N, C-alpha and C. Protein backbone atom coordinates (compact mmCIF):
# COMPACT_ATOMS: atom_id res chain seq x y z
N VAL A 1 18.16 19.69 -1.48
CA VAL A 1 17.31 20.77 -1.01
C VAL A 1 18.17 21.78 -0.25
N ILE A 2 19.08 21.28 0.58
CA ILE A 2 19.94 22.18 1.36
C ILE A 2 20.86 22.95 0.42
N GLU A 3 21.40 22.24 -0.56
CA GLU A 3 22.27 22.89 -1.53
C GLU A 3 21.51 23.95 -2.32
N ALA A 4 20.28 23.64 -2.69
CA ALA A 4 19.47 24.62 -3.41
C ALA A 4 19.20 25.83 -2.52
N GLY A 5 18.98 25.59 -1.25
CA GLY A 5 18.76 26.70 -0.32
C GLY A 5 19.99 27.58 -0.20
N ARG A 6 21.17 26.97 -0.13
CA ARG A 6 22.40 27.76 -0.05
C ARG A 6 22.62 28.57 -1.32
N ARG A 7 22.32 27.94 -2.46
CA ARG A 7 22.50 28.64 -3.73
C ARG A 7 21.56 29.83 -3.81
N LEU A 8 20.33 29.62 -3.36
CA LEU A 8 19.34 30.69 -3.42
C LEU A 8 19.60 31.77 -2.38
N ALA A 9 20.25 31.39 -1.27
CA ALA A 9 20.53 32.37 -0.22
C ALA A 9 21.65 33.31 -0.60
N ALA A 10 22.45 32.93 -1.56
CA ALA A 10 23.58 33.78 -1.97
C ALA A 10 23.04 35.08 -2.56
N HIS A 11 23.42 36.18 -1.96
CA HIS A 11 22.98 37.48 -2.44
C HIS A 11 24.01 38.00 -3.41
N GLY A 12 23.57 38.20 -4.53
CA GLY A 12 24.47 38.74 -5.54
C GLY A 12 23.70 38.85 -6.83
N GLY A 13 24.02 39.72 -7.63
CA GLY A 13 23.36 39.87 -8.90
C GLY A 13 22.27 40.92 -8.84
N ALA A 14 21.43 40.89 -9.82
CA ALA A 14 20.39 41.89 -9.97
C ALA A 14 19.27 41.67 -8.95
N TYR A 15 18.47 42.70 -8.75
CA TYR A 15 17.37 42.66 -7.81
C TYR A 15 16.35 41.59 -8.20
N ASP A 16 16.06 41.46 -9.49
CA ASP A 16 15.09 40.47 -9.97
C ASP A 16 15.56 39.05 -9.66
N VAL A 17 16.85 38.81 -9.81
CA VAL A 17 17.41 37.49 -9.53
C VAL A 17 17.30 37.18 -8.05
N VAL A 18 17.60 38.16 -7.20
CA VAL A 18 17.51 37.97 -5.75
C VAL A 18 16.07 37.69 -5.35
N GLU A 19 15.11 38.43 -5.91
CA GLU A 19 13.70 38.21 -5.59
C GLU A 19 13.24 36.81 -6.04
N ALA A 20 13.65 36.40 -7.23
CA ALA A 20 13.29 35.07 -7.74
C ALA A 20 13.89 33.99 -6.86
N ASN A 21 15.16 34.19 -6.45
CA ASN A 21 15.81 33.23 -5.56
C ASN A 21 15.11 33.15 -4.21
N THR A 22 14.71 34.29 -3.67
CA THR A 22 14.02 34.33 -2.38
C THR A 22 12.68 33.60 -2.48
N LYS A 23 11.96 33.85 -3.57
CA LYS A 23 10.67 33.18 -3.77
C LYS A 23 10.86 31.66 -3.91
N GLU A 24 11.82 31.27 -4.71
CA GLU A 24 12.09 29.84 -4.91
C GLU A 24 12.54 29.19 -3.61
N ARG A 25 13.34 29.90 -2.82
CA ARG A 25 13.81 29.38 -1.54
C ARG A 25 12.62 29.16 -0.60
N GLY A 26 11.69 30.08 -0.59
CA GLY A 26 10.49 29.93 0.24
C GLY A 26 9.68 28.71 -0.17
N GLU A 27 9.55 28.49 -1.48
CA GLU A 27 8.81 27.33 -1.96
C GLU A 27 9.50 26.03 -1.57
N VAL A 28 10.83 26.00 -1.70
CA VAL A 28 11.59 24.81 -1.34
C VAL A 28 11.48 24.55 0.16
N GLU A 29 11.56 25.58 0.97
CA GLU A 29 11.44 25.41 2.41
C GLU A 29 10.04 24.92 2.79
N ALA A 30 9.00 25.42 2.11
CA ALA A 30 7.63 24.97 2.38
C ALA A 30 7.48 23.49 2.01
N ALA A 31 8.06 23.08 0.88
CA ALA A 31 8.00 21.68 0.47
C ALA A 31 8.73 20.80 1.48
N LEU A 32 9.88 21.26 1.96
CA LEU A 32 10.64 20.52 2.96
C LEU A 32 9.86 20.39 4.26
N LYS A 33 9.20 21.48 4.66
CA LYS A 33 8.42 21.46 5.89
C LYS A 33 7.25 20.49 5.76
N ALA A 34 6.59 20.48 4.60
CA ALA A 34 5.47 19.56 4.37
C ALA A 34 5.96 18.11 4.40
N ALA A 35 7.12 17.86 3.80
CA ALA A 35 7.68 16.50 3.78
C ALA A 35 8.03 16.05 5.20
N ARG A 36 8.59 16.95 5.99
CA ARG A 36 8.94 16.60 7.37
C ARG A 36 7.70 16.30 8.19
N SER A 37 6.64 17.11 8.05
CA SER A 37 5.43 16.87 8.83
C SER A 37 4.76 15.58 8.38
N SER A 38 4.79 15.30 7.08
CA SER A 38 4.23 14.05 6.57
C SER A 38 4.99 12.86 7.14
N THR A 39 6.30 12.94 7.15
CA THR A 39 7.13 11.87 7.69
C THR A 39 6.88 11.69 9.18
N LYS A 40 6.72 12.80 9.89
CA LYS A 40 6.48 12.75 11.32
C LYS A 40 5.13 12.08 11.61
N ALA A 41 4.11 12.42 10.82
CA ALA A 41 2.79 11.81 11.01
C ALA A 41 2.83 10.33 10.69
N GLU A 42 3.54 9.96 9.63
CA GLU A 42 3.67 8.56 9.25
C GLU A 42 4.38 7.76 10.34
N LYS A 43 5.41 8.36 10.90
CA LYS A 43 6.15 7.71 11.97
C LYS A 43 5.26 7.49 13.20
N ALA A 44 4.43 8.47 13.50
CA ALA A 44 3.52 8.34 14.64
C ALA A 44 2.49 7.24 14.38
N ARG A 45 1.98 7.13 13.15
CA ARG A 45 1.02 6.06 12.82
C ARG A 45 1.67 4.69 12.93
N VAL A 46 2.92 4.58 12.49
CA VAL A 46 3.63 3.31 12.58
C VAL A 46 3.84 2.92 14.03
N LYS A 47 4.22 3.88 14.87
CA LYS A 47 4.42 3.60 16.29
C LYS A 47 3.12 3.16 16.95
N GLU A 48 2.02 3.83 16.60
CA GLU A 48 0.72 3.48 17.18
C GLU A 48 0.30 2.07 16.75
N LEU A 49 0.50 1.74 15.49
CA LEU A 49 0.16 0.42 14.99
C LEU A 49 1.01 -0.65 15.67
N ALA A 50 2.29 -0.36 15.85
CA ALA A 50 3.18 -1.31 16.53
C ALA A 50 2.74 -1.49 17.98
N GLN A 51 2.36 -0.42 18.62
CA GLN A 51 1.90 -0.48 20.01
C GLN A 51 0.65 -1.35 20.12
N GLN A 52 -0.29 -1.18 19.19
CA GLN A 52 -1.53 -1.95 19.22
C GLN A 52 -1.28 -3.42 18.92
N SER A 53 -0.42 -3.71 17.96
CA SER A 53 -0.20 -5.09 17.57
C SER A 53 0.60 -5.86 18.60
N MET A 54 1.43 -5.20 19.36
CA MET A 54 2.26 -5.88 20.36
C MET A 54 1.59 -5.92 21.73
N SER A 55 0.44 -5.31 21.86
CA SER A 55 -0.25 -5.26 23.14
C SER A 55 -0.90 -6.60 23.45
N ALA A 56 -0.60 -7.15 24.61
CA ALA A 56 -1.21 -8.42 25.02
C ALA A 56 -2.70 -8.23 25.24
N ALA A 57 -3.10 -7.06 25.71
CA ALA A 57 -4.52 -6.79 25.92
C ALA A 57 -5.27 -6.79 24.59
N GLY A 58 -4.63 -6.25 23.56
CA GLY A 58 -5.25 -6.23 22.24
C GLY A 58 -5.43 -7.63 21.69
N TRP A 59 -4.43 -8.47 21.85
CA TRP A 59 -4.51 -9.85 21.37
C TRP A 59 -5.61 -10.59 22.14
N THR A 60 -5.64 -10.42 23.46
CA THR A 60 -6.63 -11.11 24.27
C THR A 60 -8.03 -10.67 23.92
N SER A 61 -8.24 -9.38 23.77
CA SER A 61 -9.59 -8.90 23.44
C SER A 61 -10.01 -9.38 22.07
N ALA A 62 -9.09 -9.43 21.12
CA ALA A 62 -9.42 -9.92 19.78
C ALA A 62 -9.82 -11.39 19.83
N LEU A 63 -9.13 -12.18 20.64
CA LEU A 63 -9.47 -13.59 20.76
C LEU A 63 -10.81 -13.78 21.46
N LEU A 64 -11.07 -12.95 22.47
CA LEU A 64 -12.33 -13.06 23.20
C LEU A 64 -13.52 -12.60 22.34
N GLN A 65 -13.27 -11.74 21.39
CA GLN A 65 -14.34 -11.26 20.51
C GLN A 65 -14.63 -12.23 19.39
N GLY A 66 -13.94 -13.34 19.35
CA GLY A 66 -14.24 -14.36 18.36
C GLY A 66 -13.37 -14.30 17.13
N GLU A 67 -12.24 -13.70 17.22
CA GLU A 67 -11.35 -13.63 16.06
C GLU A 67 -10.39 -14.82 16.11
N GLU A 68 -10.96 -16.02 16.00
CA GLU A 68 -10.13 -17.22 16.06
C GLU A 68 -9.37 -17.46 14.77
N ASN A 69 -9.76 -16.79 13.71
CA ASN A 69 -9.11 -17.00 12.41
C ASN A 69 -7.85 -16.17 12.25
N ARG A 70 -7.32 -15.68 13.36
CA ARG A 70 -6.11 -14.86 13.29
C ARG A 70 -4.93 -15.68 12.78
N PHE A 71 -4.90 -16.94 13.14
CA PHE A 71 -3.79 -17.80 12.74
C PHE A 71 -4.29 -18.83 11.74
N ALA A 72 -3.49 -19.10 10.76
CA ALA A 72 -3.86 -20.09 9.74
C ALA A 72 -3.72 -21.49 10.33
N LYS A 73 -4.63 -22.34 9.95
CA LYS A 73 -4.59 -23.71 10.43
C LYS A 73 -4.24 -24.62 9.26
N ALA A 74 -3.40 -25.59 9.53
CA ALA A 74 -2.99 -26.51 8.48
C ALA A 74 -4.06 -27.56 8.26
N ASP A 75 -4.23 -27.94 7.01
CA ASP A 75 -5.17 -29.01 6.67
C ASP A 75 -4.44 -30.32 6.90
N GLU A 76 -4.98 -31.13 7.82
CA GLU A 76 -4.30 -32.38 8.19
C GLU A 76 -4.20 -33.35 7.02
N GLY A 77 -5.16 -33.31 6.10
CA GLY A 77 -5.16 -34.25 5.00
C GLY A 77 -4.43 -33.74 3.77
N ALA A 78 -3.83 -32.57 3.86
CA ALA A 78 -3.16 -31.98 2.70
C ALA A 78 -1.95 -32.81 2.29
N VAL A 79 -1.69 -32.83 0.99
CA VAL A 79 -0.57 -33.60 0.45
C VAL A 79 0.74 -33.11 1.05
N GLU A 80 0.87 -31.80 1.21
CA GLU A 80 2.13 -31.24 1.73
C GLU A 80 2.40 -31.72 3.15
N SER A 81 1.34 -31.73 4.00
CA SER A 81 1.57 -32.17 5.38
C SER A 81 1.87 -33.66 5.44
N GLN A 82 1.21 -34.45 4.59
CA GLN A 82 1.49 -35.88 4.55
C GLN A 82 2.91 -36.13 4.04
N LEU A 83 3.32 -35.35 3.04
CA LEU A 83 4.67 -35.49 2.49
C LEU A 83 5.71 -35.13 3.54
N ALA A 84 5.45 -34.08 4.29
CA ALA A 84 6.39 -33.67 5.34
C ALA A 84 6.50 -34.75 6.41
N ALA A 85 5.37 -35.35 6.77
CA ALA A 85 5.40 -36.39 7.80
C ALA A 85 6.08 -37.66 7.29
N ALA A 86 5.92 -37.96 6.01
CA ALA A 86 6.48 -39.19 5.46
C ALA A 86 7.97 -39.07 5.14
N THR A 87 8.47 -37.87 4.99
CA THR A 87 9.87 -37.69 4.58
C THR A 87 10.68 -36.99 5.66
N VAL A 88 10.50 -37.41 6.90
CA VAL A 88 11.26 -36.82 8.00
C VAL A 88 12.69 -37.34 7.94
N GLY A 89 13.64 -36.46 8.12
CA GLY A 89 15.03 -36.86 8.12
C GLY A 89 15.65 -36.74 6.75
N LEU A 90 16.81 -37.39 6.59
CA LEU A 90 17.52 -37.34 5.31
C LEU A 90 16.89 -38.31 4.33
N VAL A 91 16.41 -37.79 3.22
CA VAL A 91 15.77 -38.60 2.19
C VAL A 91 16.36 -38.19 0.85
N SER A 92 16.63 -39.16 0.00
CA SER A 92 17.19 -38.83 -1.31
C SER A 92 16.11 -38.15 -2.16
N SER A 93 16.55 -37.41 -3.15
CA SER A 93 15.60 -36.69 -3.99
C SER A 93 14.72 -37.66 -4.77
N ALA A 94 15.25 -38.79 -5.16
CA ALA A 94 14.45 -39.78 -5.88
C ALA A 94 13.35 -40.34 -4.98
N ALA A 95 13.70 -40.65 -3.73
CA ALA A 95 12.71 -41.17 -2.79
C ALA A 95 11.66 -40.10 -2.48
N PHE A 96 12.11 -38.87 -2.38
CA PHE A 96 11.19 -37.75 -2.12
C PHE A 96 10.20 -37.61 -3.27
N ARG A 97 10.72 -37.63 -4.52
CA ARG A 97 9.87 -37.52 -5.70
C ARG A 97 8.87 -38.66 -5.76
N GLU A 98 9.36 -39.87 -5.49
CA GLU A 98 8.51 -41.06 -5.53
C GLU A 98 7.38 -40.95 -4.51
N LYS A 99 7.73 -40.53 -3.30
CA LYS A 99 6.72 -40.40 -2.24
C LYS A 99 5.71 -39.32 -2.61
N ARG A 100 6.18 -38.21 -3.17
CA ARG A 100 5.29 -37.13 -3.59
C ARG A 100 4.31 -37.62 -4.65
N GLU A 101 4.81 -38.36 -5.63
CA GLU A 101 3.95 -38.89 -6.70
C GLU A 101 2.92 -39.85 -6.13
N GLU A 102 3.34 -40.69 -5.17
CA GLU A 102 2.39 -41.62 -4.54
C GLU A 102 1.28 -40.86 -3.82
N LEU A 103 1.67 -39.85 -3.03
CA LEU A 103 0.69 -39.09 -2.27
C LEU A 103 -0.25 -38.29 -3.19
N GLU A 104 0.32 -37.71 -4.26
CA GLU A 104 -0.51 -36.96 -5.19
C GLU A 104 -1.48 -37.88 -5.93
N ALA A 105 -1.01 -39.08 -6.29
CA ALA A 105 -1.89 -40.05 -6.96
C ALA A 105 -3.01 -40.48 -6.01
N ALA A 106 -2.66 -40.72 -4.75
CA ALA A 106 -3.67 -41.11 -3.76
C ALA A 106 -4.69 -39.99 -3.56
N ALA A 107 -4.20 -38.75 -3.50
CA ALA A 107 -5.10 -37.61 -3.33
C ALA A 107 -6.01 -37.46 -4.55
N GLY A 108 -5.46 -37.66 -5.75
CA GLY A 108 -6.26 -37.59 -6.96
C GLY A 108 -7.33 -38.67 -6.99
N ALA A 109 -6.96 -39.90 -6.60
CA ALA A 109 -7.92 -41.00 -6.55
C ALA A 109 -9.02 -40.70 -5.53
N LYS A 110 -8.64 -40.13 -4.40
CA LYS A 110 -9.62 -39.78 -3.38
C LYS A 110 -10.60 -38.74 -3.90
N ARG A 111 -10.08 -37.71 -4.60
CA ARG A 111 -10.95 -36.68 -5.18
C ARG A 111 -11.91 -37.29 -6.20
N GLU A 112 -11.40 -38.22 -7.02
CA GLU A 112 -12.26 -38.88 -8.02
C GLU A 112 -13.35 -39.70 -7.34
N ARG A 113 -12.97 -40.46 -6.28
CA ARG A 113 -13.95 -41.24 -5.53
C ARG A 113 -15.03 -40.34 -4.95
N GLU A 114 -14.59 -39.24 -4.34
CA GLU A 114 -15.55 -38.31 -3.74
C GLU A 114 -16.47 -37.71 -4.80
N ALA A 115 -15.92 -37.40 -5.97
CA ALA A 115 -16.75 -36.85 -7.05
C ALA A 115 -17.76 -37.89 -7.52
N GLU A 116 -17.32 -39.16 -7.65
CA GLU A 116 -18.23 -40.24 -8.05
C GLU A 116 -19.32 -40.44 -7.01
N GLU A 117 -18.93 -40.42 -5.73
CA GLU A 117 -19.92 -40.59 -4.67
C GLU A 117 -20.91 -39.44 -4.67
N ALA A 118 -20.44 -38.23 -4.91
CA ALA A 118 -21.33 -37.08 -4.96
C ALA A 118 -22.28 -37.20 -6.14
N ALA A 119 -21.77 -37.66 -7.29
CA ALA A 119 -22.62 -37.84 -8.47
C ALA A 119 -23.66 -38.92 -8.21
N GLU A 120 -23.23 -40.03 -7.57
CA GLU A 120 -24.17 -41.10 -7.24
C GLU A 120 -25.23 -40.62 -6.26
N ALA A 121 -24.82 -39.84 -5.27
CA ALA A 121 -25.78 -39.31 -4.29
C ALA A 121 -26.77 -38.38 -4.98
N ALA A 122 -26.28 -37.56 -5.90
CA ALA A 122 -27.17 -36.65 -6.63
C ALA A 122 -28.15 -37.44 -7.50
N ALA A 123 -27.65 -38.49 -8.15
CA ALA A 123 -28.52 -39.33 -8.99
C ALA A 123 -29.57 -40.03 -8.12
N ALA A 124 -29.16 -40.54 -6.97
CA ALA A 124 -30.10 -41.21 -6.07
C ALA A 124 -31.16 -40.23 -5.57
N GLN A 125 -30.75 -39.02 -5.28
CA GLN A 125 -31.69 -38.01 -4.82
C GLN A 125 -32.68 -37.66 -5.93
N GLN A 126 -32.18 -37.55 -7.16
CA GLN A 126 -33.07 -37.29 -8.30
C GLN A 126 -34.06 -38.44 -8.46
N ALA A 127 -33.57 -39.69 -8.32
CA ALA A 127 -34.45 -40.84 -8.44
C ALA A 127 -35.52 -40.82 -7.35
N ARG A 128 -35.14 -40.47 -6.12
CA ARG A 128 -36.11 -40.36 -5.03
C ARG A 128 -37.14 -39.29 -5.33
N LYS A 129 -36.69 -38.16 -5.88
CA LYS A 129 -37.63 -37.08 -6.21
C LYS A 129 -38.61 -37.54 -7.29
N ARG A 130 -38.09 -38.24 -8.33
CA ARG A 130 -38.96 -38.72 -9.39
C ARG A 130 -39.97 -39.73 -8.85
N ALA A 131 -39.50 -40.64 -7.98
CA ALA A 131 -40.39 -41.65 -7.40
C ALA A 131 -41.46 -40.97 -6.54
N LYS A 132 -41.06 -39.98 -5.78
CA LYS A 132 -42.00 -39.25 -4.94
C LYS A 132 -43.02 -38.51 -5.80
N LYS A 133 -42.55 -37.93 -6.89
CA LYS A 133 -43.45 -37.21 -7.79
C LYS A 133 -44.45 -38.18 -8.42
N ARG A 134 -43.96 -39.35 -8.86
CA ARG A 134 -44.84 -40.36 -9.44
C ARG A 134 -45.89 -40.81 -8.42
N GLU A 135 -45.44 -41.00 -7.19
CA GLU A 135 -46.35 -41.43 -6.12
C GLU A 135 -47.43 -40.36 -5.88
N ARG A 136 -47.02 -39.10 -5.88
CA ARG A 136 -48.00 -38.01 -5.71
C ARG A 136 -49.00 -37.99 -6.86
N GLU A 137 -48.48 -38.17 -8.08
CA GLU A 137 -49.37 -38.18 -9.24
C GLU A 137 -50.35 -39.34 -9.16
N LYS A 138 -49.87 -40.50 -8.74
CA LYS A 138 -50.76 -41.66 -8.59
C LYS A 138 -51.81 -41.38 -7.52
N GLN A 139 -51.37 -40.75 -6.43
CA GLN A 139 -52.28 -40.42 -5.33
C GLN A 139 -53.35 -39.46 -5.82
N GLN A 140 -52.96 -38.49 -6.63
CA GLN A 140 -53.91 -37.53 -7.17
C GLN A 140 -54.89 -38.23 -8.11
N GLN A 141 -54.37 -39.14 -8.94
CA GLN A 141 -55.24 -39.87 -9.85
C GLN A 141 -56.23 -40.73 -9.08
N ARG A 142 -55.74 -41.36 -8.03
CA ARG A 142 -56.62 -42.17 -7.19
C ARG A 142 -57.69 -41.30 -6.55
N GLY A 143 -57.26 -40.14 -6.09
CA GLY A 143 -58.21 -39.21 -5.46
C GLY A 143 -59.25 -38.75 -6.47
N LEU A 144 -58.82 -38.48 -7.68
CA LEU A 144 -59.75 -38.02 -8.70
C LEU A 144 -60.72 -39.13 -9.10
N SER A 145 -60.22 -40.35 -9.24
CA SER A 145 -61.11 -41.44 -9.62
C SER A 145 -62.10 -41.73 -8.50
N PHE A 146 -61.67 -41.58 -7.26
CA PHE A 146 -62.56 -41.79 -6.13
C PHE A 146 -63.66 -40.75 -6.14
N ALA A 147 -63.26 -39.49 -6.43
CA ALA A 147 -64.25 -38.42 -6.49
C ALA A 147 -65.23 -38.68 -7.63
N ALA A 148 -64.77 -39.19 -8.75
CA ALA A 148 -65.65 -39.49 -9.88
C ALA A 148 -66.60 -40.62 -9.53
N ASP A 149 -66.13 -41.62 -8.78
CA ASP A 149 -66.97 -42.74 -8.36
C ASP A 149 -68.09 -42.27 -7.43
N GLU A 150 -67.79 -41.31 -6.54
CA GLU A 150 -68.79 -40.79 -5.63
C GLU A 150 -69.89 -40.07 -6.36
N GLU A 151 -69.49 -39.31 -7.38
CA GLU A 151 -70.48 -38.58 -8.15
C GLU A 151 -71.39 -39.55 -8.90
N ASP A 152 -70.84 -40.66 -9.38
CA ASP A 152 -71.64 -41.64 -10.11
C ASP A 152 -72.58 -42.38 -9.16
N GLY A 153 -72.12 -42.62 -7.94
CA GLY A 153 -72.85 -43.47 -7.01
C GLY A 153 -73.88 -42.77 -6.27
């Protein structure tokens, strides 16, 4: 941009060339000015964001307002955390692989057990609903037969 400005500032040649150079120089200077102001505004926004994020008052107010999810919490039962706890210190890659496979197999078995238990619970709930429905139907039939007996009697 500076080089283009110097080239355009050189006075020499025909009047039309000088006018075109002056016009082009003005456009380049306007573009440079816009870029500088944009950069300056961006820099100010970055400084403001940094000021807010590093402020102890901001962190405290965010925590008091109930933003407890600011930090990620580890799942204690996760395979990765169990693997990290089980392989503390120097462990060979074979032992590490073996331990990982054991933990993943255990986690898979646990998921299968939980899925079976959930299916059994759902089936039991369906059975309870069916039994309750049958009981209601019987109660209604009894009520209807009682009403029919009263009319006869």
